[in-house]
Amino acid sequence: MDELVRLRGSIDNIDAALVHMLAERFKCTQKVGVLKAQHDLPPADPAREERQIARLRALARDANLDPDFAEKFLNFIVREVIRHHEAIRR
């Protein structure tokens, strides 16, 4: 049972780090959204999204993480970022 408690503690720490990393990421993407609005650029950038998906899938493979899962995760984040960018543009 000590091992279970230890592992769950590690999971909790990793979850906290993920939340903080996502918060930092969204701070950056909010600034990107402002710049896009100022320069009349569209909220979405499909070419960049394709490059990012390919990059993330490769990173996932290297880390022994399911690339399909990594892509789904990135797509979820990108949808939220685009939603923010659309709101900033309005």
PDB file of N, CA and C in Angstrom:
ATOM      1  N   MET A   1       0.813  -1.203   0.000  1.00  0.00           N
ATOM      2  CA  MET A   1       0.000   0.000   0.000  1.00  0.00           C
ATOM      3  C   MET A   1       0.854   1.264   0.000  1.00  0.00           C
ATOM      4  N   ASP A   2       2.059   1.188   0.576  1.00  0.00           N
ATOM      5  CA  ASP A   2       2.948   2.354   0.570  1.00  0.00           C
ATOM      6  C   ASP A   2       3.277   2.765  -0.863  1.00  0.00           C
ATOM      7  N   GLU A   3       3.487   1.775  -1.708  1.00  0.00           N
ATOM      8  CA  GLU A   3       3.794   2.046  -3.120  1.00  0.00           C
ATOM      9  C   GLU A   3       2.629   2.755  -3.801  1.00  0.00           C
ATOM     10  N   LEU A   4       1.407   2.329  -3.510  1.00  0.00           N
ATOM     11  CA  LEU A   4       0.218   2.961  -4.084  1.00  0.00           C
ATOM     12  C   LEU A   4       0.139   4.429  -3.655  1.00  0.00           C
ATOM     13  N   VAL A   5       0.364   4.682  -2.390  1.00  0.00           N
ATOM     14  CA  VAL A   5       0.326   6.057  -1.875  1.00  0.00           C
ATOM     15  C   VAL A   5       1.417   6.892  -2.549  1.00  0.00           C
ATOM     16  N   ARG A   6       2.611   6.328  -2.666  1.00  0.00           N
ATOM     17  CA  ARG A   6       3.727   7.037  -3.300  1.00  0.00           C
ATOM     18  C   ARG A   6       3.410   7.367  -4.761  1.00  0.00           C
ATOM     19  N   LEU A   7       2.903   6.370  -5.489  1.00  0.00           N
ATOM     20  CA  LEU A   7       2.574   6.582  -6.893  1.00  0.00           C
ATOM     21  C   LEU A   7       1.469   7.624  -7.060  1.00  0.00           C
ATOM     22  N   ARG A   8       0.460   7.563  -6.210  1.00  0.00           N
ATOM     23  CA  ARG A   8      -0.624   8.553  -6.283  1.00  0.00           C
ATOM     24  C   ARG A   8      -0.109   9.953  -5.955  1.00  0.00           C
ATOM     25  N   GLY A   9       0.824  10.054  -5.045  1.00  0.00           N
ATOM     26  CA  GLY A   9       1.442  11.349  -4.752  1.00  0.00           C
ATOM     27  C   GLY A   9       2.167  11.896  -5.968  1.00  0.00           C
ATOM     28  N   SER A  10       2.881  11.025  -6.669  1.00  0.00           N
ATOM     29  CA  SER A  10       3.570  11.436  -7.901  1.00  0.00           C
ATOM     30  C   SER A  10       2.566  11.889  -8.959  1.00  0.00           C
ATOM     31  N   ILE A  11       1.485  11.142  -9.095  1.00  0.00           N
ATOM     32  CA  ILE A  11       0.447  11.505 -10.064  1.00  0.00           C
ATOM     33  C   ILE A  11      -0.132  12.875  -9.720  1.00  0.00           C
ATOM     34  N   ASP A  12      -0.404  13.111  -8.448  1.00  0.00           N
ATOM     35  CA  ASP A  12      -0.941  14.412  -8.027  1.00  0.00           C
ATOM     36  C   ASP A  12       0.022  15.548  -8.366  1.00  0.00           C
ATOM     37  N   ASN A  13       1.306  15.330  -8.144  1.00  0.00           N
ATOM     38  CA  ASN A  13       2.313  16.347  -8.473  1.00  0.00           C
ATOM     39  C   ASN A  13       2.376  16.602  -9.976  1.00  0.00           C
ATOM     40  N   ILE A  14       2.316  15.543 -10.750  1.00  0.00           N
ATOM     41  CA  ILE A  14       2.350  15.680 -12.207  1.00  0.00           C
ATOM     42  C   ILE A  14       1.114  16.432 -12.686  1.00  0.00           C
ATOM     43  N   ASP A  15      -0.061  16.094 -12.128  1.00  0.00           N
ATOM     44  CA  ASP A  15      -1.294  16.802 -12.500  1.00  0.00           C
ATOM     45  C   ASP A  15      -1.175  18.293 -12.196  1.00  0.00           C
ATOM     46  N   ALA A  16      -0.622  18.631 -11.044  1.00  0.00           N
ATOM     47  CA  ALA A  16      -0.443  20.045 -10.681  1.00  0.00           C
ATOM     48  C   ALA A  16       0.494  20.733 -11.673  1.00  0.00           C
ATOM     49  N   ALA A  17       1.574  20.053 -12.037  1.00  0.00           N
ATOM     50  CA  ALA A  17       2.508  20.627 -13.007  1.00  0.00           C
ATOM     51  C   ALA A  17       1.832  20.830 -14.361  1.00  0.00           C
ATOM     52  N   LEU A  18       1.009  19.869 -14.779  1.00  0.00           N
ATOM     53  CA  LEU A  18       0.285  19.997 -16.049  1.00  0.00           C
ATOM     54  C   LEU A  18      -0.633  21.222 -16.043  1.00  0.00           C
ATOM     55  N   VAL A  19      -1.341  21.429 -14.942  1.00  0.00           N
ATOM     56  CA  VAL A  19      -2.242  22.582 -14.847  1.00  0.00           C
ATOM     57  C   VAL A  19      -1.445  23.879 -14.960  1.00  0.00           C
ATOM     58  N   HIS A  20      -0.318  23.956 -14.270  1.00  0.00           N
ATOM     59  CA  HIS A  20       0.504  25.170 -14.337  1.00  0.00           C
ATOM     60  C   HIS A  20       1.094  25.369 -15.740  1.00  0.00           C
ATOM     61  N   MET A  21       1.507  24.285 -16.373  1.00  0.00           N
ATOM     62  CA  MET A  21       2.034  24.383 -17.740  1.00  0.00           C
ATOM     63  C   MET A  21       0.950  24.847 -18.708  1.00  0.00           C
ATOM     64  N   LEU A  22      -0.251  24.305 -18.563  1.00  0.00           N
ATOM     65  CA  LEU A  22      -1.354  24.732 -19.429  1.00  0.00           C
ATOM     66  C   LEU A  22      -1.691  26.202 -19.198  1.00  0.00           C
ATOM     67  N   ALA A  23      -1.668  26.639 -17.955  1.00  0.00           N
ATOM     68  CA  ALA A  23      -1.926  28.051 -17.660  1.00  0.00           C
ATOM     69  C   ALA A  23      -0.893  28.942 -18.352  1.00  0.00           C
ATOM     70  N   GLU A  24       0.366  28.563 -18.297  1.00  0.00           N
ATOM     71  CA  GLU A  24       1.419  29.338 -18.972  1.00  0.00           C
ATOM     72  C   GLU A  24       1.218  29.334 -20.483  1.00  0.00           C
ATOM     73  N   ARG A  25       0.854  28.180 -21.012  1.00  0.00           N
ATOM     74  CA  ARG A  25       0.614  28.074 -22.451  1.00  0.00           C
ATOM     75  C   ARG A  25      -0.510  29.012 -22.871  1.00  0.00           C
ATOM     76  N   PHE A  26      -1.590  29.035 -22.094  1.00  0.00           N
ATOM     77  CA  PHE A  26      -2.721  29.885 -22.446  1.00  0.00           C
ATOM     78  C   PHE A  26      -2.397  31.367 -22.275  1.00  0.00           C
ATOM     79  N   LYS A  27      -1.507  31.723 -21.363  1.00  0.00           N
ATOM     80  CA  LYS A  27      -1.057  33.121 -21.276  1.00  0.00           C
ATOM     81  C   LYS A  27      -0.392  33.524 -22.584  1.00  0.00           C
ATOM     82  N   CYS A  28       0.440  32.651 -23.119  1.00  0.00           N
ATOM     83  CA  CYS A  28       1.116  32.930 -24.394  1.00  0.00           C
ATOM     84  C   CYS A  28       0.125  32.993 -25.552  1.00  0.00           C
ATOM     85  N   THR A  29      -0.805  32.038 -25.588  1.00  0.00           N
ATOM     86  CA  THR A  29      -1.733  32.018 -26.716  1.00  0.00           C
ATOM     87  C   THR A  29      -2.695  33.203 -26.659  1.00  0.00           C
ATOM     88  N   GLN A  30      -2.992  33.711 -25.463  1.00  0.00           N
ATOM     89  CA  GLN A  30      -3.823  34.919 -25.366  1.00  0.00           C
ATOM     90  C   GLN A  30      -3.098  36.093 -26.022  1.00  0.00           C
ATOM     91  N   LYS A  31      -1.802  36.214 -25.775  1.00  0.00           N
ATOM     92  CA  LYS A  31      -1.010  37.279 -26.394  1.00  0.00           C
ATOM     93  C   LYS A  31      -0.970  37.110 -27.905  1.00  0.00           C
ATOM     94  N   VAL A  32      -0.861  35.869 -28.364  1.00  0.00           N
ATOM     95  CA  VAL A  32      -0.903  35.592 -29.806  1.00  0.00           C
ATOM     96  C   VAL A  32      -2.246  36.047 -30.371  1.00  0.00           C
ATOM     97  N   GLY A  33      -3.328  35.776 -29.655  1.00  0.00           N
ATOM     98  CA  GLY A  33      -4.657  36.175 -30.100  1.00  0.00           C
ATOM     99  C   GLY A  33      -4.782  37.677 -30.243  1.00  0.00           C
ATOM    100  N   VAL A  34      -4.199  38.412 -29.311  1.00  0.00           N
ATOM    101  CA  VAL A  34      -4.218  39.876 -29.392  1.00  0.00           C
ATOM    102  C   VAL A  34      -3.445  40.331 -30.623  1.00  0.00           C
ATOM    103  N   LEU A  35      -2.262  39.781 -30.842  1.00  0.00           N
ATOM    104  CA  LEU A  35      -1.461  40.148 -32.018  1.00  0.00           C
ATOM    105  C   LEU A  35      -2.197  39.821 -33.316  1.00  0.00           C
ATOM    106  N   LYS A  36      -2.818  38.649 -33.364  1.00  0.00           N
ATOM    107  CA  LYS A  36      -3.574  38.277 -34.564  1.00  0.00           C
ATOM    108  C   LYS A  36      -4.703  39.270 -34.814  1.00  0.00           C
ATOM    109  N   ALA A  37      -5.403  39.663 -33.771  1.00  0.00           N
ATOM    110  CA  ALA A  37      -6.499  40.622 -33.921  1.00  0.00           C
ATOM    111  C   ALA A  37      -5.966  41.977 -34.384  1.00  0.00           C
ATOM    112  N   GLN A  38      -4.857  42.407 -33.824  1.00  0.00           N
ATOM    113  CA  GLN A  38      -4.271  43.695 -34.200  1.00  0.00           C
ATOM    114  C   GLN A  38      -3.821  43.722 -35.659  1.00  0.00           C
ATOM    115  N   HIS A  39      -3.383  42.580 -36.160  1.00  0.00           N
ATOM    116  CA  HIS A  39      -2.864  42.496 -37.531  1.00  0.00           C
ATOM    117  C   HIS A  39      -3.855  41.855 -38.493  1.00  0.00           C
ATOM    118  N   ASP A  40      -5.094  41.737 -38.037  1.00  0.00           N
ATOM    119  CA  ASP A  40      -6.183  41.203 -38.860  1.00  0.00           C
ATOM    120  C   ASP A  40      -5.850  39.824 -39.444  1.00  0.00           C
ATOM    121  N   LEU A  41      -5.281  38.974 -38.603  1.00  0.00           N
ATOM    122  CA  LEU A  41      -4.983  37.595 -38.996  1.00  0.00           C
ATOM    123  C   LEU A  41      -6.107  36.690 -38.501  1.00  0.00           C
ATOM    124  N   PRO A  42      -6.368  35.603 -39.200  1.00  0.00           N
ATOM    125  CA  PRO A  42      -7.451  34.704 -38.781  1.00  0.00           C
ATOM    126  C   PRO A  42      -7.111  34.010 -37.459  1.00  0.00           C
ATOM    127  N   PRO A  43      -8.140  33.661 -36.685  1.00  0.00           N
ATOM    128  CA  PRO A  43      -7.903  32.979 -35.405  1.00  0.00           C
ATOM    129  C   PRO A  43      -7.212  31.625 -35.558  1.00  0.00           C
ATOM    130  N   ALA A  44      -7.488  30.911 -36.629  1.00  0.00           N
ATOM    131  CA  ALA A  44      -6.901  29.589 -36.854  1.00  0.00           C
ATOM    132  C   ALA A  44      -5.778  29.679 -37.888  1.00  0.00           C
ATOM    133  N   ASP A  45      -4.802  28.808 -37.742  1.00  0.00           N
ATOM    134  CA  ASP A  45      -3.687  28.711 -38.693  1.00  0.00           C
ATOM    135  C   ASP A  45      -3.501  27.228 -39.026  1.00  0.00           C
ATOM    136  N   PRO A  46      -4.297  26.722 -39.981  1.00  0.00           N
ATOM    137  CA  PRO A  46      -4.267  25.280 -40.280  1.00  0.00           C
ATOM    138  C   PRO A  46      -2.881  24.738 -40.632  1.00  0.00           C
ATOM    139  N   ALA A  47      -2.066  25.519 -41.331  1.00  0.00           N
ATOM    140  CA  ALA A  47      -0.725  25.031 -41.698  1.00  0.00           C
ATOM    141  C   ALA A  47       0.122  24.814 -40.441  1.00  0.00           C
ATOM    142  N   ARG A  48       0.075  25.778 -39.522  1.00  0.00           N
ATOM    143  CA  ARG A  48       0.833  25.617 -38.268  1.00  0.00           C
ATOM    144  C   ARG A  48       0.284  24.442 -37.461  1.00  0.00           C
ATOM    145  N   GLU A  49      -1.033  24.309 -37.430  1.00  0.00           N
ATOM    146  CA  GLU A  49      -1.634  23.203 -36.677  1.00  0.00           C
ATOM    147  C   GLU A  49      -1.148  21.859 -37.221  1.00  0.00           C
ATOM    148  N   GLU A  50      -1.066  21.729 -38.538  1.00  0.00           N
ATOM    149  CA  GLU A  50      -0.563  20.478 -39.143  1.00  0.00           C
ATOM    150  C   GLU A  50       0.868  20.208 -38.716  1.00  0.00           C
ATOM    151  N   ARG A  51       1.709  21.264 -38.746  1.00  0.00           N
ATOM    152  CA  ARG A  51       3.112  21.094 -38.331  1.00  0.00           C
ATOM    153  C   ARG A  51       3.201  20.701 -36.859  1.00  0.00           C
ATOM    154  N   GLN A  52       2.376  21.328 -36.043  1.00  0.00           N
ATOM    155  CA  GLN A  52       2.399  21.031 -34.615  1.00  0.00           C
ATOM    156  C   GLN A  52       1.934  19.598 -34.332  1.00  0.00           C
ATOM    157  N   ILE A  53       0.924  19.157 -35.058  1.00  0.00           N
ATOM    158  CA  ILE A  53       0.447  17.777 -34.881  1.00  0.00           C
ATOM    159  C   ILE A  53       1.549  16.792 -35.242  1.00  0.00           C
ATOM    160  N   ALA A  54       2.204  17.016 -36.375  1.00  0.00           N
ATOM    161  CA  ALA A  54       3.295  16.124 -36.789  1.00  0.00           C
ATOM    162  C   ALA A  54       4.412  16.128 -35.747  1.00  0.00           C
ATOM    163  N   ARG A  55       4.759  17.309 -35.259  1.00  0.00           N
ATOM    164  CA  ARG A  55       5.812  17.441 -34.252  1.00  0.00           C
ATOM    165  C   ARG A  55       5.420  16.719 -32.965  1.00  0.00           C
ATOM    166  N   LEU A  56       4.194  16.922 -32.513  1.00  0.00           N
ATOM    167  CA  LEU A  56       3.749  16.312 -31.269  1.00  0.00           C
ATOM    168  C   LEU A  56       3.645  14.795 -31.389  1.00  0.00           C
ATOM    169  N   ARG A  57       3.208  14.316 -32.553  1.00  0.00           N
ATOM    170  CA  ARG A  57       3.127  12.864 -32.759  1.00  0.00           C
ATOM    171  C   ARG A  57       4.529  12.248 -32.675  1.00  0.00           C
ATOM    172  N   ALA A  58       5.519  12.924 -33.253  1.00  0.00           N
ATOM    173  CA  ALA A  58       6.900  12.422 -33.194  1.00  0.00           C
ATOM    174  C   ALA A  58       7.405  12.435 -31.753  1.00  0.00           C
ATOM    175  N   LEU A  59       7.145  13.516 -31.034  1.00  0.00           N
ATOM    176  CA  LEU A  59       7.547  13.575 -29.620  1.00  0.00           C
ATOM    177  C   LEU A  59       6.885  12.464 -28.823  1.00  0.00           C
ATOM    178  N   ALA A  60       5.619  12.217 -29.096  1.00  0.00           N
ATOM    179  CA  ALA A  60       4.894  11.156 -28.385  1.00  0.00           C
ATOM    180  C   ALA A  60       5.530   9.800 -28.659  1.00  0.00           C
ATOM    181  N   ARG A  61       5.824   9.535 -29.923  1.00  0.00           N
ATOM    182  CA  ARG A  61       6.461   8.243 -30.257  1.00  0.00           C
ATOM    183  C   ARG A  61       7.781   8.094 -29.501  1.00  0.00           C
ATOM    184  N   ASP A  62       8.580   9.167 -29.487  1.00  0.00           N
ATOM    185  CA  ASP A  62       9.869   9.127 -28.792  1.00  0.00           C
ATOM    186  C   ASP A  62       9.704   8.901 -27.296  1.00  0.00           C
ATOM    187  N   ALA A  63       8.584   9.363 -26.744  1.00  0.00           N
ATOM    188  CA  ALA A  63       8.330   9.235 -25.304  1.00  0.00           C
ATOM    189  C   ALA A  63       7.509   7.989 -24.958  1.00  0.00           C
ATOM    190  N   ASN A  64       7.279   7.137 -25.941  1.00  0.00           N
ATOM    191  CA  ASN A  64       6.461   5.934 -25.750  1.00  0.00           C
ATOM    192  C   ASN A  64       5.038   6.259 -25.284  1.00  0.00           C
ATOM    193  N   LEU A  65       4.493   7.331 -25.856  1.00  0.00           N
ATOM    194  CA  LEU A  65       3.114   7.733 -25.608  1.00  0.00           C
ATOM    195  C   LEU A  65       2.348   7.527 -26.906  1.00  0.00           C
ATOM    196  N   ASP A  66       1.124   7.110 -26.811  1.00  0.00           N
ATOM    197  CA  ASP A  66       0.300   6.875 -27.990  1.00  0.00           C
ATOM    198  C   ASP A  66       0.157   8.170 -28.801  1.00  0.00           C
ATOM    199  N   PRO A  67       0.673   8.211 -30.033  1.00  0.00           N
ATOM    200  CA  PRO A  67       0.581   9.421 -30.854  1.00  0.00           C
ATOM    201  C   PRO A  67      -0.855   9.864 -31.121  1.00  0.00           C
ATOM    202  N   ASP A  68      -1.784   8.910 -31.221  1.00  0.00           N
ATOM    203  CA  ASP A  68      -3.184   9.282 -31.421  1.00  0.00           C
ATOM    204  C   ASP A  68      -3.714  10.050 -30.212  1.00  0.00           C
ATOM    205  N   PHE A  69      -3.360   9.595 -29.018  1.00  0.00           N
ATOM    206  CA  PHE A  69      -3.765  10.303 -27.810  1.00  0.00           C
ATOM    207  C   PHE A  69      -3.169  11.701 -27.795  1.00  0.00           C
ATOM    208  N   ALA A  70      -1.890  11.817 -28.115  1.00  0.00           N
ATOM    209  CA  ALA A  70      -1.221  13.122 -28.120  1.00  0.00           C
ATOM    210  C   ALA A  70      -1.896  14.071 -29.106  1.00  0.00           C
ATOM    211  N   GLU A  71      -2.268  13.549 -30.272  1.00  0.00           N
ATOM    212  CA  GLU A  71      -2.942  14.383 -31.270  1.00  0.00           C
ATOM    213  C   GLU A  71      -4.311  14.832 -30.767  1.00  0.00           C
ATOM    214  N   LYS A  72      -5.058  13.933 -30.160  1.00  0.00           N
ATOM    215  CA  LYS A  72      -6.373  14.306 -29.604  1.00  0.00           C
ATOM    216  C   LYS A  72      -6.221  15.388 -28.541  1.00  0.00           C
ATOM    217  N   PHE A  73      -5.223  15.238 -27.708  1.00  0.00           N
ATOM    218  CA  PHE A  73      -4.970  16.213 -26.652  1.00  0.00           C
ATOM    219  C   PHE A  73      -4.647  17.577 -27.259  1.00  0.00           C
ATOM    220  N   LEU A  74      -3.761  17.603 -28.242  1.00  0.00           N
ATOM    221  CA  LEU A  74      -3.406  18.871 -28.899  1.00  0.00           C
ATOM    222  C   LEU A  74      -4.621  19.473 -29.593  1.00  0.00           C
ATOM    223  N   ASN A  75      -5.405  18.664 -30.282  1.00  0.00           N
ATOM    224  CA  ASN A  75      -6.596  19.182 -30.962  1.00  0.00           C
ATOM    225  C   ASN A  75      -7.563  19.819 -29.975  1.00  0.00           C
ATOM    226  N   PHE A  76      -7.716  19.215 -28.802  1.00  0.00           N
ATOM    227  CA  PHE A  76      -8.571  19.781 -27.772  1.00  0.00           C
ATOM    228  C   PHE A  76      -8.069  21.163 -27.356  1.00  0.00           C
ATOM    229  N   ILE A  77      -6.771  21.268 -27.130  1.00  0.00           N
ATOM    230  CA  ILE A  77      -6.174  22.545 -26.725  1.00  0.00           C
ATOM    231  C   ILE A  77      -6.317  23.580 -27.836  1.00  0.00           C
ATOM    232  N   VAL A  78      -6.027  23.189 -29.064  1.00  0.00           N
ATOM    233  CA  VAL A  78      -6.101  24.120 -30.196  1.00  0.00           C
ATOM    234  C   VAL A  78      -7.524  24.642 -30.373  1.00  0.00           C
ATOM    235  N   ARG A  79      -8.514  23.789 -30.234  1.00  0.00           N
ATOM    236  CA  ARG A  79      -9.911  24.250 -30.334  1.00  0.00           C
ATOM    237  C   ARG A  79     -10.205  25.331 -29.297  1.00  0.00           C
ATOM    238  N   GLU A  80      -9.713  25.139 -28.104  1.00  0.00           N
ATOM    239  CA  GLU A  80      -9.921  26.120 -27.035  1.00  0.00           C
ATOM    240  C   GLU A  80      -9.178  27.422 -27.345  1.00  0.00           C
ATOM    241  N   VAL A  81      -7.969  27.319 -27.854  1.00  0.00           N
ATOM    242  CA  VAL A  81      -7.195  28.504 -28.227  1.00  0.00           C
ATOM    243  C   VAL A  81      -7.922  29.284 -29.321  1.00  0.00           C
ATOM    244  N   ILE A  82      -8.411  28.590 -30.326  1.00  0.00           N
ATOM    245  CA  ILE A  82      -9.129  29.262 -31.421  1.00  0.00           C
ATOM    246  C   ILE A  82     -10.374  29.956 -30.882  1.00  0.00           C
ATOM    247  N   ARG A  83     -11.065  29.303 -29.970  1.00  0.00           N
ATOM    248  CA  ARG A  83     -12.246  29.919 -29.357  1.00  0.00           C
ATOM    249  C   ARG A  83     -11.858  31.222 -28.648  1.00  0.00           C
ATOM    250  N   HIS A  84     -10.737  31.201 -27.936  1.00  0.00           N
ATOM    251  CA  HIS A  84     -10.244  32.413 -27.273  1.00  0.00           C
ATOM    252  C   HIS A  84      -9.886  33.482 -28.295  1.00  0.00           C
ATOM    253  N   HIS A  85      -9.222  33.086 -29.363  1.00  0.00           N
ATOM    254  CA  HIS A  85      -8.819  34.044 -30.400  1.00  0.00           C
ATOM    255  C   HIS A  85     -10.034  34.679 -31.070  1.00  0.00           C
ATOM    256  N   GLU A  86     -11.054  33.883 -31.285  1.00  0.00           N
ATOM    257  CA  GLU A  86     -12.282  34.426 -31.877  1.00  0.00           C
ATOM    258  C   GLU A  86     -12.922  35.434 -30.932  1.00  0.00           C
ATOM    259  N   ALA A  87     -12.904  35.159 -29.635  1.00  0.00           N
ATOM    260  CA  ALA A  87     -13.464  36.082 -28.656  1.00  0.00           C
ATOM    261  C   ALA A  87     -12.650  37.372 -28.603  1.00  0.00           C
ATOM    262  N   ILE A  88     -11.353  37.275 -28.658  1.00  0.00           N
ATOM    263  CA  ILE A  88     -10.481  38.457 -28.654  1.00  0.00           C
ATOM    264  C   ILE A  88     -10.752  39.298 -29.890  1.00  0.00           C
ATOM    265  N   ARG A  89     -10.899  38.649 -31.011  1.00  0.00           N
ATOM    266  CA  ARG A  89     -11.138  39.358 -32.288  1.00  0.00           C
ATOM    267  C   ARG A  89     -12.438  40.157 -32.237  1.00  0.00           C
ATOM    268  N   ARG A  90     -13.463  39.598 -31.558  1.00  0.00           N
ATOM    269  CA  ARG A  90     -14.746  40.313 -31.451  1.00  0.00           C
ATOM    270  C   ARG A  90     -14.585  41.495 -30.524  1.00  0.00           C
TER     271      ARG A  90
END
